[in-house]
C-alpha atoms as a PDB file:
ATOM      1  CA  MET A   1      19.711 147.987  64.542  1.00  0.00           C
ATOM      2  CA  ALA A   2      16.617 149.923  65.477  1.00  0.00           C
ATOM      3  CA  ASN A   3      16.368 153.560  64.579  1.00  0.00           C
ATOM      4  CA  HIS A   4      15.060 154.742  67.921  1.00  0.00           C
ATOM      5  CA  LYS A   5      16.741 157.763  69.461  1.00  0.00           C
ATOM      6  CA  ALA A   6      17.551 155.922  72.685  1.00  0.00           C
ATOM      7  CA  THR A   7      19.118 152.993  70.821  1.00  0.00           C
ATOM      8  CA  LEU A   8      21.247 155.239  68.664  1.00  0.00           C
ATOM      9  CA  LYS A   9      22.404 157.149  71.730  1.00  0.00           C
ATOM     10  CA  ASP A  10      23.254 153.884  73.500  1.00  0.00           C
ATOM     11  CA  VAL A  11      25.366 152.775  70.536  1.00  0.00           C
ATOM     12  CA  ARG A  12      27.250 156.083  70.526  1.00  0.00           C
ATOM     13  CA  GLN A  13      27.916 155.892  74.252  1.00  0.00           C
ATOM     14  CA  ALA A  14      29.053 152.268  74.087  1.00  0.00           C
ATOM     15  CA  THR A  15      31.521 153.153  71.337  1.00  0.00           C
ATOM     16  CA  LYS A  16      32.954 156.007  73.401  1.00  0.00           C
ATOM     17  CA  ARG A  17      33.255 153.808  76.477  1.00  0.00           C
ATOM     18  CA  ARG A  18      34.945 151.016  74.547  1.00  0.00           C
ATOM     19  CA  GLU A  19      37.572 153.383  73.139  1.00  0.00           C
ATOM     20  CA  ARG A  20      38.171 155.001  76.523  1.00  0.00           C
ATOM     21  CA  ASN A  21      38.486 151.632  78.281  1.00  0.00           C
ATOM     22  CA  LYS A  22      40.974 150.368  75.697  1.00  0.00           C
ATOM     23  CA  TYR A  23      43.088 153.494  76.137  1.00  0.00           C
ATOM     24  CA  TYR A  24      43.201 153.409  79.936  1.00  0.00           C
ATOM     25  CA  GLY A  25      43.797 149.653  80.108  1.00  0.00           C
ATOM     26  CA  LYS A  26      46.656 149.801  77.618  1.00  0.00           C
ATOM     27  CA  THR A  27      48.214 152.863  79.256  1.00  0.00           C
ATOM     28  CA  THR A  28      48.110 151.184  82.659  1.00  0.00           C
ATOM     29  CA  ARG A  29      49.620 147.929  81.378  1.00  0.00           C
ATOM     30  CA  ASN A  30      52.460 149.851  79.740  1.00  0.00           C
ATOM     31  CA  ALA A  31      53.069 151.834  82.938  1.00  0.00           C
ATOM     32  CA  ILE A  32      53.318 148.589  84.935  1.00  0.00           C
ATOM     33  CA  ARG A  33      55.761 147.152  82.391  1.00  0.00           C
ATOM     34  CA  ASP A  34      57.940 150.274  82.557  1.00  0.00           C
ATOM     35  CA  LEU A  35      57.833 150.256  86.346  1.00  0.00           C
ATOM     36  CA  LYS A  36      59.055 146.656  86.501  1.00  0.00           C
ATOM     37  CA  GLU A  37      62.069 147.588  84.347  1.00  0.00           C
ATOM     38  CA  ILE A  38      63.215 150.325  86.768  1.00  0.00           C
ATOM     39  CA  LYS A  39      66.033 149.181  89.046  1.00  0.00           C
ATOM     40  CA  SER A  40      66.728 152.193  91.282  1.00  0.00           C
ATOM     41  CA  ASN A  41      64.529 153.046  94.209  1.00  0.00           C
ATOM     42  CA  GLY A  42      64.781 156.801  93.578  1.00  0.00           C
ATOM     43  CA  GLU A  43      63.190 156.443  90.152  1.00  0.00           C
ATOM     44  CA  ALA A  44      60.707 153.774  91.213  1.00  0.00           C
ATOM     45  CA  THR A  45      59.015 155.549  94.115  1.00  0.00           C
ATOM     46  CA  PRO A  46      57.274 158.386  92.193  1.00  0.00           C
ATOM     47  CA  LYS A  47      56.366 155.996  89.380  1.00  0.00           C
ATOM     48  CA  LEU A  48      54.913 153.530  91.908  1.00  0.00           C
ATOM     49  CA  ILE A  49      52.572 156.157  93.241  1.00  0.00           C
ATOM     50  CA  ASP A  50      51.410 157.064  89.724  1.00  0.00           C
ATOM     51  CA  VAL A  51      50.807 153.441  88.702  1.00  0.00           C
ATOM     52  CA  ALA A  52      49.017 152.630  91.953  1.00  0.00           C
ATOM     53  CA  SER A  53      46.761 155.610  91.317  1.00  0.00           C
ATOM     54  CA  MET A  54      46.039 154.400  87.765  1.00  0.00           C
ATOM     55  CA  LEU A  55      45.141 150.942  89.036  1.00  0.00           C
ATOM     56  CA  ASP A  56      42.891 152.342  91.755  1.00  0.00           C
ATOM     57  CA  LYS A  57      41.033 154.429  89.175  1.00  0.00           C
ATOM     58  CA  LEU A  58      40.536 151.369  86.966  1.00  0.00           C
ATOM     59  CA  ALA A  59      39.296 149.354  89.934  1.00  0.00           C
ATOM     60  CA  LYS A  60      36.852 152.105  90.830  1.00  0.00           C
ATOM     61  CA  LYS A  61      35.424 152.073  87.311  1.00  0.00           C
ATOM     62  CA  GLY A  62      35.224 148.275  87.303  1.00  0.00           C
ATOM     63  CA  GLU A  63      37.334 147.747  84.203  1.00  0.00           C
ATOM     64  CA  GLU A  64      37.648 144.221  82.839  1.00  0.00           C
ATOM     65  CA  PHE A  65      41.432 144.576  82.989  1.00  0.00           C
ATOM     66  CA  LEU A  66      41.454 144.273  86.767  1.00  0.00           C
ATOM     67  CA  LYS A  67      38.640 141.760  87.071  1.00  0.00           C
ATOM     68  CA  GLU A  68      40.495 139.308  84.873  1.00  0.00           C
ATOM     69  CA  LYS A  69      43.853 139.825  86.589  1.00  0.00           C
ATOM     70  CA  LYS A  70      42.903 140.085  90.243  1.00  0.00           C
ATOM     71  CA  GLU A  71      45.832 137.922  91.328  1.00  0.00           C
ATOM     72  CA  GLU A  72      48.325 140.160  89.517  1.00  0.00           C
ATOM     73  CA  TRP A  73      46.631 143.196  91.050  1.00  0.00           C
ATOM     74  CA  ASN A  74      47.131 141.775  94.555  1.00  0.00           C
ATOM     75  CA  LYS A  75      50.780 140.927  93.807  1.00  0.00           C
ATOM     76  CA  PHE A  76      51.391 144.418  92.503  1.00  0.00           C
ATOM     77  CA  LYS A  77      49.797 146.059  95.539  1.00  0.00           C
ATOM     78  CA  GLY A  78      51.962 143.901  97.815  1.00  0.00           C
ATOM     79  CA  ALA A  79      55.088 144.891  95.889  1.00  0.00           C
ATOM     80  CA  VAL A  80      54.117 148.566  96.028  1.00  0.00           C
ATOM     81  CA  ASP A  81      53.651 148.411  99.785  1.00  0.00           C
ATOM     82  CA  LYS A  82      56.964 146.613 100.214  1.00  0.00           C
ATOM     83  CA  VAL A  83      58.851 149.174  98.146  1.00  0.00           C
ATOM     84  CA  LEU A  84      57.240 152.160  99.793  1.00  0.00           C
ATOM     85  CA  TRP A  85      57.757 150.908 103.354  1.00  0.00           C
ATOM     86  CA  GLU A  86      61.040 149.019 103.106  1.00  0.00           C
ATOM     87  CA  GLY A  87      62.781 150.728 100.188  1.00  0.00           C
ATOM     88  CA  ILE A  88      63.208 147.474  98.252  1.00  0.00           C
ATOM     89  CA  VAL A  89      63.396 147.630  94.457  1.00  0.00           C
ATOM     90  CA  TRP A  90      61.836 145.080  92.053  1.00  0.00           C
ATOM     91  CA  GLY A  91      63.793 141.829  92.116  1.00  0.00           C
END
């Protein structure tokens, strides 16, 4: 590794980003898992809004998590819309 100031700074920033991305990706995956386990609509609705917000933030940042799982993302968004508009709980 070169000892230039810019290179050292880039390495520090990349390390920070990597840690942050791992945290947000893992937190979002766990939130989705917990949401799928909920069976009552009263509990699911506020959690749905939180998870949808998390996923939108990840999509905005362009995280690998969503790029790799675009099909799951679309399924989840469809399920969220269905629950919010029709009051149906995960099946």
